[in-house]
PDB file of N, CA and C in Angstrom:
ATOM      1  N   UNK A   1     -72.444  -8.513 216.189  1.00  0.00           N
ATOM      2  CA  UNK A   1     -71.686  -9.628 215.650  1.00  0.00           C
ATOM      3  C   UNK A   1     -70.914  -9.190 214.418  1.00  0.00           C
ATOM      4  N   UNK A   2     -71.498  -8.460 213.511  1.00  0.00           N
ATOM      5  CA  UNK A   2     -70.866  -8.135 212.244  1.00  0.00           C
ATOM      6  C   UNK A   2     -69.705  -7.175 212.354  1.00  0.00           C
ATOM      7  N   UNK A   3     -69.866  -6.054 213.115  1.00  0.00           N
ATOM      8  CA  UNK A   3     -68.821  -5.039 213.130  1.00  0.00           C
ATOM      9  C   UNK A   3     -67.603  -5.480 213.934  1.00  0.00           C
ATOM     10  N   UNK A   4     -67.793  -6.233 215.024  1.00  0.00           N
ATOM     11  CA  UNK A   4     -66.645  -6.682 215.809  1.00  0.00           C
ATOM     12  C   UNK A   4     -65.840  -7.742 215.057  1.00  0.00           C
ATOM     13  N   UNK A   5     -66.499  -8.567 214.271  1.00  0.00           N
ATOM     14  CA  UNK A   5     -65.782  -9.555 213.477  1.00  0.00           C
ATOM     15  C   UNK A   5     -64.977  -8.876 212.375  1.00  0.00           C
ATOM     16  N   UNK A   6     -65.539  -7.829 211.788  1.00  0.00           N
ATOM     17  CA  UNK A   6     -64.822  -7.114 210.733  1.00  0.00           C
ATOM     18  C   UNK A   6     -63.568  -6.462 211.267  1.00  0.00           C
ATOM     19  N   UNK A   7     -63.662  -5.788 212.401  1.00  0.00           N
ATOM     20  CA  UNK A   7     -62.492  -5.101 212.938  1.00  0.00           C
ATOM     21  C   UNK A   7     -61.420  -6.111 213.345  1.00  0.00           C
ATOM     22  N   UNK A   8     -61.819  -7.264 213.834  1.00  0.00           N
ATOM     23  CA  UNK A   8     -60.839  -8.302 214.169  1.00  0.00           C
ATOM     24  C   UNK A   8     -60.126  -8.811 212.928  1.00  0.00           C
ATOM     25  N   UNK A   9     -60.866  -8.984 211.847  1.00  0.00           N
ATOM     26  CA  UNK A   9     -60.252  -9.438 210.593  1.00  0.00           C
ATOM     27  C   UNK A   9     -59.361  -8.350 210.003  1.00  0.00           C
ATOM     28  N   UNK A  10     -59.771  -7.091 210.172  1.00  0.00           N
ATOM     29  CA  UNK A  10     -58.948  -5.990 209.682  1.00  0.00           C
ATOM     30  C   UNK A  10     -57.632  -5.918 210.462  1.00  0.00           C
ATOM     31  N   UNK A  11     -57.710  -6.146 211.761  1.00  0.00           N
ATOM     32  CA  UNK A  11     -56.498  -6.157 212.584  1.00  0.00           C
ATOM     33  C   UNK A  11     -55.571  -7.291 212.159  1.00  0.00           C
ATOM     34  N   UNK A  12     -56.144  -8.464 211.924  1.00  0.00           N
ATOM     35  CA  UNK A  12     -55.334  -9.602 211.474  1.00  0.00           C
ATOM     36  C   UNK A  12     -54.670  -9.302 210.137  1.00  0.00           C
ATOM     37  N   UNK A  13     -55.395  -8.664 209.239  1.00  0.00           N
ATOM     38  CA  UNK A  13     -54.839  -8.308 207.933  1.00  0.00           C
ATOM     39  C   UNK A  13     -53.717  -7.286 208.086  1.00  0.00           C
ATOM     40  N   UNK A  14     -53.883  -6.330 208.995  1.00  0.00           N
ATOM     41  CA  UNK A  14     -52.852  -5.317 209.229  1.00  0.00           C
ATOM     42  C   UNK A  14     -51.585  -5.949 209.807  1.00  0.00           C
ATOM     43  N   UNK A  15     -51.766  -6.874 210.740  1.00  0.00           N
ATOM     44  CA  UNK A  15     -50.617  -7.573 211.333  1.00  0.00           C
ATOM     45  C   UNK A  15     -49.901  -8.403 210.266  1.00  0.00           C
ATOM     46  N   UNK A  16     -50.658  -9.092 209.430  1.00  0.00           N
ATOM     47  CA  UNK A  16     -50.059  -9.901 208.360  1.00  0.00           C
ATOM     48  C   UNK A  16     -49.307  -9.021 207.377  1.00  0.00           C
ATOM     49  N   UNK A  17     -49.879  -7.865 207.017  1.00  0.00           N
ATOM     50  CA  UNK A  17     -49.204  -6.952 206.093  1.00  0.00           C
ATOM     51  C   UNK A  17     -47.922  -6.415 206.711  1.00  0.00           C
ATOM     52  N   UNK A  18     -47.949  -6.117 208.000  1.00  0.00           N
ATOM     53  CA  UNK A  18     -46.749  -5.645 208.690  1.00  0.00           C
ATOM     54  C   UNK A  18     -45.662  -6.708 208.721  1.00  0.00           C
ATOM     55  N   UNK A  19     -46.056  -7.943 208.976  1.00  0.00           N
ATOM     56  CA  UNK A  19     -45.086  -9.040 209.002  1.00  0.00           C
ATOM     57  C   UNK A  19     -44.460  -9.249 207.634  1.00  0.00           C
ATOM     58  N   UNK A  20     -45.255  -9.147 206.593  1.00  0.00           N
ATOM     59  CA  UNK A  20     -44.734  -9.295 205.229  1.00  0.00           C
ATOM     60  C   UNK A  20     -43.758  -8.177 204.915  1.00  0.00           C
ATOM     61  N   UNK A  21     -44.078  -6.954 205.342  1.00  0.00           N
ATOM     62  CA  UNK A  21     -43.179  -5.820 205.099  1.00  0.00           C
ATOM     63  C   UNK A  21     -41.837  -6.009 205.812  1.00  0.00           C
ATOM     64  N   UNK A  22     -41.881  -6.495 207.042  1.00  0.00           N
ATOM     65  CA  UNK A  22     -40.643  -6.733 207.793  1.00  0.00           C
ATOM     66  C   UNK A  22     -39.811  -7.823 207.115  1.00  0.00           C
ATOM     67  N   UNK A  23     -40.449  -8.911 206.713  1.00  0.00           N
ATOM     68  CA  UNK A  23     -39.721  -9.994 206.049  1.00  0.00           C
ATOM     69  C   UNK A  23     -39.115  -9.529 204.727  1.00  0.00           C
ATOM     70  N   UNK A  24     -39.842  -8.702 203.984  1.00  0.00           N
ATOM     71  CA  UNK A  24     -39.314  -8.182 202.722  1.00  0.00           C
ATOM     72  C   UNK A  24     -38.098  -7.296 202.978  1.00  0.00           C
ATOM     73  N   UNK A  25     -38.141  -6.468 204.009  1.00  0.00           N
ATOM     74  CA  UNK A  25     -37.008  -5.599 204.335  1.00  0.00           C
ATOM     75  C   UNK A  25     -35.779  -6.420 204.740  1.00  0.00           C
ATOM     76  N   UNK A  26     -35.994  -7.455 205.521  1.00  0.00           N
ATOM     77  CA  UNK A  26     -34.883  -8.325 205.936  1.00  0.00           C
ATOM     78  C   UNK A  26     -34.288  -9.040 204.725  1.00  0.00           C
ATOM     79  N   UNK A  27     -35.133  -9.561 203.840  1.00  0.00           N
ATOM     80  CA  UNK A  27     -34.639 -10.250 202.643  1.00  0.00           C
ATOM     81  C   UNK A  27     -33.854  -9.295 201.758  1.00  0.00           C
ATOM     82  N   UNK A  28     -34.341  -8.059 201.610  1.00  0.00           N
ATOM     83  CA  UNK A  28     -33.629  -7.059 200.806  1.00  0.00           C
ATOM     84  C   UNK A  28     -32.257  -6.774 201.405  1.00  0.00           C
ATOM     85  N   UNK A  29     -32.185  -6.630 202.717  1.00  0.00           N
ATOM     86  CA  UNK A  29     -30.903  -6.358 203.373  1.00  0.00           C
ATOM     87  C   UNK A  29     -29.910  -7.495 203.200  1.00  0.00           C
ATOM     88  N   UNK A  30     -30.376  -8.708 203.340  1.00  0.00           N
ATOM     89  CA  UNK A  30     -29.506  -9.872 203.166  1.00  0.00           C
ATOM     90  C   UNK A  30     -29.021  -9.967 201.724  1.00  0.00           C
ATOM     91  N   UNK A  31     -29.926  -9.765 200.775  1.00  0.00           N
ATOM     92  CA  UNK A  31     -29.537  -9.822 199.362  1.00  0.00           C
ATOM     93  C   UNK A  31     -28.517  -8.753 199.036  1.00  0.00           C
ATOM     94  N   UNK A  32     -28.668  -7.581 199.602  1.00  0.00           N
ATOM     95  CA  UNK A  32     -27.712  -6.498 199.337  1.00  0.00           C
ATOM     96  C   UNK A  32     -26.340  -6.836 199.907  1.00  0.00           C
ATOM     97  N   UNK A  33     -26.296  -7.404 201.087  1.00  0.00           N
ATOM     98  CA  UNK A  33     -25.018  -7.785 201.681  1.00  0.00           C
ATOM     99  C   UNK A  33     -24.326  -8.868 200.873  1.00  0.00           C
ATOM    100  N   UNK A  34     -25.074  -9.864 200.449  1.00  0.00           N
ATOM    101  CA  UNK A  34     -24.500 -10.997 199.728  1.00  0.00           C
ATOM    102  C   UNK A  34     -24.024 -10.590 198.338  1.00  0.00           C
ATOM    103  N   UNK A  35     -24.779  -9.774 197.643  1.00  0.00           N
ATOM    104  CA  UNK A  35     -24.453  -9.483 196.249  1.00  0.00           C
ATOM    105  C   UNK A  35     -23.415  -8.392 196.070  1.00  0.00           C
ATOM    106  N   UNK A  36     -23.266  -7.483 197.007  1.00  0.00           N
ATOM    107  CA  UNK A  36     -22.412  -6.330 196.764  1.00  0.00           C
ATOM    108  C   UNK A  36     -21.105  -6.300 197.501  1.00  0.00           C
ATOM    109  N   UNK A  37     -20.876  -7.159 198.453  1.00  0.00           N
ATOM    110  CA  UNK A  37     -19.645  -7.070 199.219  1.00  0.00           C
ATOM    111  C   UNK A  37     -19.375  -8.367 199.946  1.00  0.00           C
ATOM    112  N   UNK A  38     -18.133  -8.497 200.377  1.00  0.00           N
ATOM    113  CA  UNK A  38     -17.746  -9.650 201.184  1.00  0.00           C
ATOM    114  C   UNK A  38     -17.094  -9.139 202.458  1.00  0.00           C
ATOM    115  N   UNK A  39     -17.118  -9.919 203.486  1.00  0.00           N
ATOM    116  CA  UNK A  39     -16.556  -9.515 204.763  1.00  0.00           C
ATOM    117  C   UNK A  39     -15.142 -10.061 204.909  1.00  0.00           C
ATOM    118  N   UNK A  40     -14.243  -9.256 205.478  1.00  0.00           N
ATOM    119  CA  UNK A  40     -12.876  -9.701 205.723  1.00  0.00           C
ATOM    120  C   UNK A  40     -12.748 -10.149 207.174  1.00  0.00           C
ATOM    121  N   UNK A  41     -11.597 -10.672 207.537  1.00  0.00           N
ATOM    122  CA  UNK A  41     -11.391 -11.132 208.908  1.00  0.00           C
ATOM    123  C   UNK A  41     -11.397  -9.962 209.890  1.00  0.00           C
ATOM    124  N   UNK A  42     -11.076  -8.741 209.431  1.00  0.00           N
ATOM    125  CA  UNK A  42     -11.094  -7.573 210.311  1.00  0.00           C
ATOM    126  C   UNK A  42     -12.500  -7.011 210.463  1.00  0.00           C
ATOM    127  N   UNK A  43     -13.487  -7.570 209.756  1.00  0.00           N
ATOM    128  CA  UNK A  43     -14.850  -7.089 209.843  1.00  0.00           C
ATOM    129  C   UNK A  43     -15.171  -5.995 208.844  1.00  0.00           C
ATOM    130  N   UNK A  44     -14.206  -5.604 208.016  1.00  0.00           N
ATOM    131  CA  UNK A  44     -14.456  -4.579 207.003  1.00  0.00           C
ATOM    132  C   UNK A  44     -15.133  -5.220 205.808  1.00  0.00           C
ATOM    133  N   UNK A  45     -15.898  -4.417 205.084  1.00  0.00           N
ATOM    134  CA  UNK A  45     -16.577  -4.909 203.892  1.00  0.00           C
ATOM    135  C   UNK A  45     -15.772  -4.517 202.664  1.00  0.00           C
ATOM    136  N   UNK A  46     -15.594  -5.460 201.751  1.00  0.00           N
ATOM    137  CA  UNK A  46     -14.901  -5.194 200.497  1.00  0.00           C
ATOM    138  C   UNK A  46     -15.892  -5.297 199.356  1.00  0.00           C
ATOM    139  N   UNK A  47     -15.787  -4.376 198.411  1.00  0.00           N
ATOM    140  CA  UNK A  47     -16.689  -4.397 197.261  1.00  0.00           C
ATOM    141  C   UNK A  47     -16.293  -5.517 196.313  1.00  0.00           C
ATOM    142  N   UNK A  48     -17.315  -6.122 195.718  1.00  0.00           N
ATOM    143  CA  UNK A  48     -17.080  -7.180 194.747  1.00  0.00           C
ATOM    144  C   UNK A  48     -17.713  -6.790 193.419  1.00  0.00           C
ATOM    145  N   UNK A  49     -17.385  -7.543 192.406  1.00  0.00           N
ATOM    146  CA  UNK A  49     -17.946  -7.323 191.072  1.00  0.00           C
ATOM    147  C   UNK A  49     -18.052  -8.664 190.371  1.00  0.00           C
ATOM    148  N   UNK A  50     -18.875  -8.723 189.329  1.00  0.00           N
ATOM    149  CA  UNK A  50     -18.961  -9.935 188.520  1.00  0.00           C
ATOM    150  C   UNK A  50     -17.665 -10.042 187.734  1.00  0.00           C
ATOM    151  N   UNK A  51     -17.047 -11.193 187.779  1.00  0.00           N
ATOM    152  CA  UNK A  51     -15.786 -11.398 187.081  1.00  0.00           C
ATOM    153  C   UNK A  51     -16.007 -11.390 185.570  1.00  0.00           C
ATOM    154  N   UNK A  52     -15.223 -10.626 184.834  1.00  0.00           N
ATOM    155  CA  UNK A  52     -15.340 -10.649 183.370  1.00  0.00           C
ATOM    156  C   UNK A  52     -15.047 -12.044 182.820  1.00  0.00           C
ATOM    157  N   UNK A  53     -15.918 -12.549 181.987  1.00  0.00           N
ATOM    158  CA  UNK A  53     -15.703 -13.846 181.354  1.00  0.00           C
ATOM    159  C   UNK A  53     -16.091 -15.047 182.199  1.00  0.00           C
ATOM    160  N   UNK A  54     -16.551 -14.812 183.425  1.00  0.00           N
ATOM    161  CA  UNK A  54     -16.946 -15.918 184.303  1.00  0.00           C
ATOM    162  C   UNK A  54     -18.208 -15.541 185.050  1.00  0.00           C
ATOM    163  N   UNK A  55     -18.869 -16.506 185.625  1.00  0.00           N
ATOM    164  CA  UNK A  55     -20.095 -16.257 186.369  1.00  0.00           C
ATOM    165  C   UNK A  55     -19.829 -16.372 187.867  1.00  0.00           C
ATOM    166  N   UNK A  56     -18.845 -15.612 188.352  1.00  0.00           N
ATOM    167  CA  UNK A  56     -18.504 -15.570 189.776  1.00  0.00           C
ATOM    168  C   UNK A  56     -18.264 -14.117 190.171  1.00  0.00           C
ATOM    169  N   UNK A  57     -18.139 -13.874 191.476  1.00  0.00           N
ATOM    170  CA  UNK A  57     -17.835 -12.532 191.969  1.00  0.00           C
ATOM    171  C   UNK A  57     -16.392 -12.509 192.456  1.00  0.00           C
ATOM    172  N   UNK A  58     -15.699 -11.394 192.197  1.00  0.00           N
ATOM    173  CA  UNK A  58     -14.315 -11.225 192.629  1.00  0.00           C
ATOM    174  C   UNK A  58     -14.167  -9.899 193.363  1.00  0.00           C
ATOM    175  N   UNK A  59     -13.076  -9.742 194.071  1.00  0.00           N
ATOM    176  CA  UNK A  59     -12.785  -8.512 194.790  1.00  0.00           C
ATOM    177  C   UNK A  59     -12.484  -7.399 193.786  1.00  0.00           C
ATOM    178  N   UNK A  60     -13.236  -6.301 193.847  1.00  0.00           N
ATOM    179  CA  UNK A  60     -13.086  -5.205 192.901  1.00  0.00           C
ATOM    180  C   UNK A  60     -11.711  -4.536 193.023  1.00  0.00           C
ATOM    181  N   UNK A  61     -11.224  -4.309 194.235  1.00  0.00           N
ATOM    182  CA  UNK A  61      -9.930  -3.644 194.421  1.00  0.00           C
ATOM    183  C   UNK A  61      -8.796  -4.455 193.806  1.00  0.00           C
ATOM    184  N   UNK A  62      -8.803  -5.772 193.999  1.00  0.00           N
ATOM    185  CA  UNK A  62      -7.759  -6.617 193.420  1.00  0.00           C
ATOM    186  C   UNK A  62      -7.781  -6.547 191.893  1.00  0.00           C
ATOM    187  N   UNK A  63      -8.978  -6.574 191.310  1.00  0.00           N
ATOM    188  CA  UNK A  63      -9.081  -6.517 189.852  1.00  0.00           C
ATOM    189  C   UNK A  63      -8.606  -5.167 189.328  1.00  0.00           C
ATOM    190  N   UNK A  64      -9.026  -4.082 189.956  1.00  0.00           N
ATOM    191  CA  UNK A  64      -8.652  -2.758 189.475  1.00  0.00           C
ATOM    192  C   UNK A  64      -7.162  -2.477 189.660  1.00  0.00           C
ATOM    193  N   UNK A  65      -6.554  -3.102 190.636  1.00  0.00           N
ATOM    194  CA  UNK A  65      -5.131  -2.905 190.874  1.00  0.00           C
ATOM    195  C   UNK A  65      -4.301  -3.455 189.715  1.00  0.00           C
ATOM    196  N   UNK A  66      -4.724  -4.612 189.150  1.00  0.00           N
ATOM    197  CA  UNK A  66      -3.946  -5.222 188.064  1.00  0.00           C
ATOM    198  C   UNK A  66      -4.852  -6.063 187.172  1.00  0.00           C
ATOM    199  N   UNK A  67      -5.645  -5.419 186.306  1.00  0.00           N
ATOM    200  CA  UNK A  67      -6.555  -6.185 185.454  1.00  0.00           C
ATOM    201  C   UNK A  67      -5.832  -7.078 184.455  1.00  0.00           C
ATOM    202  N   UNK A  68      -4.642  -6.676 184.019  1.00  0.00           N
ATOM    203  CA  UNK A  68      -3.902  -7.480 183.037  1.00  0.00           C
ATOM    204  C   UNK A  68      -3.571  -8.861 183.594  1.00  0.00           C
ATOM    205  N   UNK A  69      -3.173  -8.927 184.863  1.00  0.00           N
ATOM    206  CA  UNK A  69      -2.840 -10.240 185.433  1.00  0.00           C
ATOM    207  C   UNK A  69      -4.094 -11.106 185.575  1.00  0.00           C
ATOM    208  N   UNK A  70      -5.258 -10.498 185.831  1.00  0.00           N
ATOM    209  CA  UNK A  70      -6.498 -11.275 185.898  1.00  0.00           C
ATOM    210  C   UNK A  70      -6.757 -11.950 184.561  1.00  0.00           C
ATOM    211  N   UNK A  71      -6.655 -11.198 183.465  1.00  0.00           N
ATOM    212  CA  UNK A  71      -6.940 -11.761 182.153  1.00  0.00           C
ATOM    213  C   UNK A  71      -5.854 -12.754 181.725  1.00  0.00           C
ATOM    214  N   UNK A  72      -4.625 -12.507 182.155  1.00  0.00           N
ATOM    215  CA  UNK A  72      -3.542 -13.458 181.857  1.00  0.00           C
ATOM    216  C   UNK A  72      -3.815 -14.803 182.553  1.00  0.00           C
ATOM    217  N   UNK A  73      -4.259 -14.754 183.810  1.00  0.00           N
ATOM    218  CA  UNK A  73      -4.576 -15.970 184.545  1.00  0.00           C
ATOM    219  C   UNK A  73      -5.832 -16.647 184.017  1.00  0.00           C
ATOM    220  N   UNK A  74      -6.754 -15.883 183.464  1.00  0.00           N
ATOM    221  CA  UNK A  74      -7.985 -16.436 182.918  1.00  0.00           C
ATOM    222  C   UNK A  74      -7.698 -17.284 181.682  1.00  0.00           C
ATOM    223  N   UNK A  75      -6.683 -16.894 180.907  1.00  0.00           N
ATOM    224  CA  UNK A  75      -6.340 -17.625 179.673  1.00  0.00           C
ATOM    225  C   UNK A  75      -5.531 -18.884 179.929  1.00  0.00           C
ATOM    226  N   UNK A  76      -4.967 -19.034 181.107  1.00  0.00           N
ATOM    227  CA  UNK A  76      -4.137 -20.222 181.390  1.00  0.00           C
ATOM    228  C   UNK A  76      -4.972 -21.445 181.624  1.00  0.00           C
TER     229      UNK A  76
END
């Protein structure tokens, strides 16, 4: 009675630990996609960054192309 119950509980614990690991990996992947890039209509990923002076994310390429116009528009 004792040893078979222990191994069954150990198996359940192993399955639960595996499920938690899979869920953590999925959550990490989703968080990485959401925080670091946005998808375009062509399916390509564009890098984003935190907008200077605001609490939003903007397209990094657009900002680097003309940062002066970003700050000019921010002051309007």
